[in-house]
């Protein structure tokens, strides 16, 4: 065999070895990751099973603790778990406590859902103020009087009586002349300041509750009601509109029965009812309707309250 043939055979052998090494290396690089993935999958599955078993055990232990009455008691700065046997009596006490809590919650919800009614009287005082106050005293309820400025002695005495009997003395206006009050913002501010200062001088009490003449939704004002509200907010005055009208402001006087029906039907629709009445010498139907209204409100389980700084205001949609 010549040298050329030997060299050719050696090259073939070397190539065969290199090919074998390449095949083995490629096989190793492919198979080993697959094997590792399989092993990892098996371990993950086992770990998941252990976690599920542990969770089941924990839940069972928790239920067992609740049934066995296990409680943690601190001892020398360390937590020590002590098993306490629960008797039938202690279980019964637990049930009773739960029932008491449920009753308390029910009572609380009932109180929150009770109708609250705020009777308000605009434009006074008048000769009828005394009749209204007498009726309110008889039924032991308080109301709110949005008054205007009247300088006679009888009116001064009525302002004081309103306060002394626990009602809310509130502001309506000084002049109650729309064209004057709503002519300019300065005129509006002057009117509010005048009625507030006047009532302070007469009674020693500075009112902070207010009602716009015609309501905040009035359309006769030449100035923006928003600017008026901004002023009231600035000086700490809260304004209230109404969401129920007795109807006693119409030019043709309503009967006592109509006023009663307007108020009661309105209150049935509102849980926070602010009722508008008028306190004027020509509003005898309002006075006559008041006892029946108070009796029906009592039958409805409504709570009749005076407006205070903590009362949730009722506001109309401002027109301008």
Protein backbone atom coordinates (compact mmCIF):
# COMPACT_ATOMS: atom_id res chain seq x y z
CA UNK A 1 0.00 0.00 0.00
CA UNK A 2 1.50 3.22 -1.07
CA UNK A 3 1.73 6.40 1.02
CA UNK A 4 -1.08 8.13 -0.86
CA UNK A 5 -3.56 5.41 -0.02
CA UNK A 6 -2.53 5.42 3.63
CA UNK A 7 -3.01 9.17 3.87
CA UNK A 8 -6.47 8.91 2.35
CA UNK A 9 -7.51 6.24 4.84
CA UNK A 10 -6.19 8.31 7.75
CA UNK A 11 -8.16 11.34 6.59
CA UNK A 12 -11.35 9.23 6.38
CA UNK A 13 -10.81 7.94 9.89
CA UNK A 14 -10.22 11.47 11.23
CA UNK A 15 -13.33 12.75 9.45
CA UNK A 16 -15.35 9.86 10.83
CA UNK A 17 -14.14 10.62 14.37
CA UNK A 18 -14.91 14.33 14.00
CA UNK A 19 -18.38 13.47 12.66
CA UNK A 20 -18.94 11.13 15.57
CA UNK A 21 -17.86 13.81 18.05
CA UNK A 22 -20.17 16.36 16.42
CA UNK A 23 -23.12 13.95 16.49
CA UNK A 24 -22.52 13.03 20.12
CA UNK A 25 -22.12 16.71 21.09
CA UNK A 26 -25.28 17.73 19.26
CA UNK A 27 -27.21 14.84 20.80
CA UNK A 28 -25.92 15.79 24.23
CA UNK A 29 -26.86 19.44 23.79
CA UNK A 30 -30.42 18.46 22.77
CA UNK A 31 -31.11 15.57 25.11
CA UNK A 32 -29.69 17.04 28.34
CA UNK A 33 -32.00 20.15 28.36
CA UNK A 34 -34.98 17.90 27.66
CA UNK A 35 -34.03 15.64 30.55
CA UNK A 36 -33.53 18.66 32.81
CA UNK A 37 -36.94 20.06 31.82
CA UNK A 38 -38.61 16.74 32.61
CA UNK A 39 -36.89 16.56 35.98
CA UNK A 40 -37.86 20.16 36.75
CA UNK A 41 -41.47 19.49 35.79
CA UNK A 42 -41.57 16.49 38.10
CA UNK A 43 -40.14 18.52 40.98
CA UNK A 44 -42.58 21.37 40.39
CA UNK A 45 -45.51 18.96 40.38
CA UNK A 46 -44.34 17.43 43.63
CA UNK A 47 -43.92 20.88 45.15
CA UNK A 48 -47.44 21.90 44.09
CA UNK A 49 -48.84 18.77 45.69
CA UNK A 50 -46.97 19.56 48.89
CA UNK A 51 -48.32 23.13 48.86
CA UNK A 52 -51.88 21.87 48.38
CA UNK A 53 -51.43 19.40 51.21
CA UNK A 54 -50.02 22.16 53.42
CA UNK A 55 -52.94 24.48 52.62
CA UNK A 56 -55.44 21.73 53.35
CA UNK A 57 -53.68 21.01 56.59
CA UNK A 58 -53.64 24.71 57.53
CA UNK A 59 -57.36 25.10 56.81
CA UNK A 60 -58.13 21.97 58.79
CA UNK A 61 -55.98 23.18 61.64
CA UNK A 62 -57.70 26.59 61.55
CA UNK A 63 -61.14 24.99 61.67
CA UNK A 64 -59.94 22.73 64.44
CA UNK A 65 -58.66 25.70 66.40
CA UNK A 66 -61.97 27.48 66.06
CA UNK A 67 -63.85 24.42 67.23
CA UNK A 68 -61.43 23.68 70.01
CA UNK A 69 -61.32 27.31 71.13
CA UNK A 70 -57.56 27.77 70.77
CA UNK A 71 -56.38 31.22 71.77
CA UNK A 72 -52.97 32.86 71.94
CA UNK A 73 -51.91 34.08 75.34
CA UNK A 74 -48.69 36.06 75.89
CA UNK A 75 -46.36 34.50 78.48
CA UNK A 76 -43.09 36.20 79.47
CA UNK A 77 -42.98 38.09 76.21
CA UNK A 78 -43.59 34.94 74.11
CA UNK A 79 -46.74 33.69 72.43
CA UNK A 80 -48.10 30.53 73.97
CA UNK A 81 -50.98 28.60 72.43
CA UNK A 82 -53.36 27.17 74.97
CA UNK A 83 -56.30 24.94 74.18
CA UNK A 84 -59.53 25.97 75.88
CA UNK A 85 -62.55 23.74 75.97
CA UNK A 86 -65.75 25.50 75.01
CA UNK A 87 -68.88 24.49 76.85
CA UNK A 88 -72.40 24.64 75.49
CA UNK A 89 -73.04 27.69 77.69
CA UNK A 90 -70.16 29.63 76.15
CA UNK A 91 -71.40 28.76 72.68
CA UNK A 92 -74.85 29.99 73.62
CA UNK A 93 -73.34 33.22 74.94
CA UNK A 94 -71.54 33.70 71.63
CA UNK A 95 -74.81 33.27 69.77
CA UNK A 96 -76.54 35.74 72.08
CA UNK A 97 -73.77 38.30 71.59
CA UNK A 98 -74.14 37.95 67.83
CA UNK A 99 -77.90 38.43 68.07
CA UNK A 100 -77.40 41.54 70.21
CA UNK A 101 -74.98 43.00 67.67
CA UNK A 102 -77.43 42.28 64.87
CA UNK A 103 -80.21 43.98 66.82
CA UNK A 104 -78.03 47.01 67.45
CA UNK A 105 -77.13 47.26 63.77
CA UNK A 106 -80.78 46.93 62.82
CA UNK A 107 -81.71 49.66 65.26
CA UNK A 108 -78.97 51.88 63.88
CA UNK A 109 -80.17 51.38 60.32
CA UNK A 110 -83.71 52.15 61.39
CA UNK A 111 -82.58 55.41 62.96
CA UNK A 112 -80.60 56.33 59.87
CA UNK A 113 -83.63 55.64 57.68
CA UNK A 114 -86.08 57.63 59.80
CA UNK A 115 -87.76 60.59 58.13
CA UNK A 116 -86.40 63.90 59.26
CA UNK A 117 -88.75 66.85 58.80
CA UNK A 118 -87.77 70.49 59.15
CA UNK A 119 -90.72 72.86 59.41
CA UNK A 120 -89.72 76.33 58.26
CA UNK A 121 -91.69 79.58 58.42
CA UNK A 122 -90.77 82.53 56.17
CA UNK A 123 -91.58 86.25 56.37
CA UNK A 124 -92.35 86.53 60.08
CA UNK A 125 -92.74 87.53 62.73
CA UNK A 126 -96.46 88.29 62.60
CA UNK A 127 -99.52 88.05 64.82
CA UNK A 128 -99.69 84.38 63.82
CA UNK A 129 -96.19 83.70 65.17
CA UNK A 130 -97.58 83.41 68.69
CA UNK A 131 -100.22 80.88 67.56
CA UNK A 132 -97.59 78.87 65.71
CA UNK A 133 -95.28 78.86 68.73
CA UNK A 134 -98.14 77.78 71.00
CA UNK A 135 -98.94 74.82 68.72
CA UNK A 136 -95.30 73.78 68.45
CA UNK A 137 -95.00 73.92 72.24
CA UNK A 138 -98.11 71.78 72.65
CA UNK A 139 -96.66 69.08 70.38
CA UNK A 140 -93.15 69.52 71.83
CA UNK A 141 -91.43 70.06 68.50
CA UNK A 142 -88.99 72.69 67.27
CA UNK A 143 -89.03 74.59 63.99
CA UNK A 144 -87.07 77.20 62.06
CA UNK A 145 -88.16 80.79 61.48
CA UNK A 146 -86.64 82.67 58.54
CA UNK A 147 -87.49 86.18 59.64
CA UNK A 148 -87.31 89.66 58.13
CA UNK A 149 -86.48 92.90 59.90
CA UNK A 150 -89.36 94.39 61.87
CA UNK A 151 -88.62 97.10 64.39
CA UNK A 152 -91.79 97.12 66.52
CA UNK A 153 -91.66 95.86 70.10
CA UNK A 154 -94.04 92.95 69.48
CA UNK A 155 -91.72 91.64 66.77
CA UNK A 156 -88.69 92.08 69.00
CA UNK A 157 -90.43 90.02 71.69
CA UNK A 158 -91.25 87.32 69.14
CA UNK A 159 -87.65 87.07 67.97
CA UNK A 160 -86.68 86.50 71.59
CA UNK A 161 -89.47 84.01 72.18
CA UNK A 162 -88.43 81.97 69.16
CA UNK A 163 -84.96 81.63 70.66
CA UNK A 164 -86.03 81.10 74.25
CA UNK A 165 -88.30 78.19 73.28
CA UNK A 166 -85.52 76.37 71.46
CA UNK A 167 -86.39 77.13 67.85
CA UNK A 168 -83.92 78.31 65.23
CA UNK A 169 -83.92 82.02 64.49
CA UNK A 170 -82.76 82.33 60.89
CA UNK A 171 -82.43 85.13 58.36
CA UNK A 172 -84.63 85.77 55.32
CA UNK A 173 -83.85 89.39 54.49
CA UNK A 174 -83.95 92.88 55.86
CA UNK A 175 -86.30 94.55 53.39
CA UNK A 176 -87.74 91.56 51.47
CA UNK A 177 -87.95 93.86 48.44
CA UNK A 178 -86.58 91.81 45.56
CA UNK A 179 -85.71 94.74 43.31
CA UNK A 180 -83.68 96.29 46.11
CA UNK A 181 -81.99 93.14 47.42
CA UNK A 182 -80.97 91.74 44.02
CA UNK A 183 -80.09 95.03 42.30
CA UNK A 184 -76.33 94.76 42.86
CA UNK A 185 -74.02 92.47 44.83
CA UNK A 186 -73.24 95.33 47.22
CA UNK A 187 -77.00 95.80 47.82
CA UNK A 188 -77.36 92.07 48.51
CA UNK A 189 -74.44 92.05 50.95
CA UNK A 190 -75.85 95.10 52.70
CA UNK A 191 -79.26 93.43 53.12
CA UNK A 192 -77.77 90.24 54.60
CA UNK A 193 -75.48 92.18 56.92
CA UNK A 194 -78.35 94.41 58.08
CA UNK A 195 -80.69 91.58 59.09
CA UNK A 196 -77.87 89.67 60.80
CA UNK A 197 -76.70 92.69 62.78
CA UNK A 198 -80.25 93.72 63.65
CA UNK A 199 -81.11 90.32 65.10
CA UNK A 200 -77.83 90.34 67.02
CA UNK A 201 -78.67 93.75 68.51
CA UNK A 202 -82.22 92.73 69.48
CA UNK A 203 -81.57 89.22 70.82
CA UNK A 204 -77.84 88.95 71.48
CA UNK A 205 -77.77 86.01 69.07
CA UNK A 206 -75.95 86.13 65.72
CA UNK A 207 -77.79 83.87 63.24
CA UNK A 208 -75.86 81.92 60.61
CA UNK A 209 -78.75 80.18 58.79
CA UNK A 210 -80.23 81.97 55.77
CA UNK A 211 -82.86 81.61 53.04
CA UNK A 212 -82.83 83.60 49.82
CA UNK A 213 -86.02 85.62 49.22
CA UNK A 214 -87.64 83.65 46.42
CA UNK A 215 -85.15 80.82 46.95
CA UNK A 216 -81.76 80.38 45.34
CA UNK A 217 -83.58 79.39 42.12
CA UNK A 218 -85.32 82.76 41.74
CA UNK A 219 -85.20 84.32 38.27
CA UNK A 220 -85.75 87.96 39.26
CA UNK A 221 -82.24 88.62 40.52
CA UNK A 222 -80.14 91.00 38.42
CA UNK A 223 -76.96 89.55 39.93
CA UNK A 224 -75.48 86.09 39.86
CA UNK A 225 -76.77 83.93 42.70
CA UNK A 226 -73.43 82.13 42.57
CA UNK A 227 -71.73 85.36 43.66
CA UNK A 228 -74.22 85.64 46.52
CA UNK A 229 -73.49 82.07 47.60
CA UNK A 230 -69.77 82.80 47.47
CA UNK A 231 -70.30 85.74 49.81
CA UNK A 232 -72.36 83.63 52.23
CA UNK A 233 -69.65 80.96 52.27
CA UNK A 234 -67.03 83.61 52.93
CA UNK A 235 -68.79 84.95 56.02
CA UNK A 236 -69.84 81.54 57.38
CA UNK A 237 -73.55 81.65 56.54
CA UNK A 238 -75.34 78.49 55.38
CA UNK A 239 -78.35 78.84 53.12
CA UNK A 240 -81.34 76.52 52.89
CA UNK A 241 -84.02 76.20 50.23
CA UNK A 242 -86.91 73.75 50.55
CA UNK A 243 -88.06 70.55 48.85
CA UNK A 244 -91.69 70.60 50.00
CA UNK A 245 -94.04 73.55 49.72
CA UNK A 246 -97.20 73.82 51.74
CA UNK A 247 -98.64 76.00 48.96
CA UNK A 248 -99.64 78.75 51.37
CA UNK A 249 -97.83 81.42 49.32
CA UNK A 250 -100.28 81.43 46.41
CA UNK A 251 -102.38 84.52 45.84
CA UNK A 252 -105.61 82.59 46.32
CA UNK A 253 -105.54 81.20 49.89
CA UNK A 254 -105.58 77.41 50.10
CA UNK A 255 -107.85 75.56 52.47
CA UNK A 256 -106.52 73.89 55.57
CA UNK A 257 -107.09 70.50 53.93
CA UNK A 258 -105.08 71.44 50.83
CA UNK A 259 -102.13 72.59 52.93
CA UNK A 260 -102.22 69.37 54.98
CA UNK A 261 -102.32 67.25 51.83
CA UNK A 262 -99.45 69.16 50.21
CA UNK A 263 -97.21 68.71 53.21
CA UNK A 264 -97.99 65.08 54.05
CA UNK A 265 -97.84 63.85 50.45
CA UNK A 266 -94.52 65.64 50.08
CA UNK A 267 -93.03 64.22 53.25
CA UNK A 268 -93.99 60.72 52.14
CA UNK A 269 -91.59 61.15 49.22
CA UNK A 270 -88.66 62.63 51.16
CA UNK A 271 -86.50 61.27 54.00
CA UNK A 272 -84.92 64.69 54.54
CA UNK A 273 -87.89 67.03 54.17
CA UNK A 274 -87.59 70.81 54.43
CA UNK A 275 -91.13 72.19 54.41
CA UNK A 276 -91.93 75.74 53.40
CA UNK A 277 -94.64 77.63 55.29
CA UNK A 278 -95.26 81.35 55.61
CA UNK A 279 -95.70 83.26 58.83
CA UNK A 280 -97.93 86.24 58.00
CA UNK A 281 -101.11 87.79 59.33
CA UNK A 282 -103.16 86.47 56.38
CA UNK A 283 -101.99 82.85 56.73
CA UNK A 284 -104.60 81.55 59.16
CA UNK A 285 -105.04 78.37 57.09
CA UNK A 286 -101.42 77.55 57.82
CA UNK A 287 -102.03 77.89 61.55
CA UNK A 288 -105.19 75.80 61.32
CA UNK A 289 -103.43 73.06 59.34
CA UNK A 290 -100.43 72.78 61.66
CA UNK A 291 -101.92 70.56 64.42
CA UNK A 292 -103.16 67.96 61.96
CA UNK A 293 -99.83 68.01 60.12
CA UNK A 294 -97.92 67.42 63.35
CA UNK A 295 -100.24 64.57 64.35
CA UNK A 296 -99.83 62.85 61.00
CA UNK A 297 -96.06 63.30 61.08
CA UNK A 298 -96.06 61.64 64.50
CA UNK A 299 -98.11 58.74 63.13
CA UNK A 300 -95.59 58.38 60.29
CA UNK A 301 -92.75 58.11 62.80
CA UNK A 302 -91.10 61.23 61.41
CA UNK A 303 -88.68 63.22 63.54
CA UNK A 304 -89.45 66.94 63.50
CA UNK A 305 -86.30 69.00 64.00
CA UNK A 306 -85.04 72.59 63.82
CA UNK A 307 -82.40 73.43 61.24
CA UNK A 308 -78.90 73.83 62.68
CA UNK A 309 -75.39 74.26 61.30
CA UNK A 310 -75.15 70.46 61.23
CA UNK A 311 -78.29 69.93 59.15
CA UNK A 312 -77.73 68.75 55.58
CA UNK A 313 -78.75 71.70 53.38
CA UNK A 314 -81.41 71.42 50.71
CA UNK A 315 -80.57 73.51 47.66
CA UNK A 316 -82.43 74.36 44.49
CA UNK A 317 -80.80 74.39 41.07
CA UNK A 318 -79.41 77.91 40.77
CA UNK A 319 -80.78 79.69 37.69
CA UNK A 320 -77.93 82.15 37.13
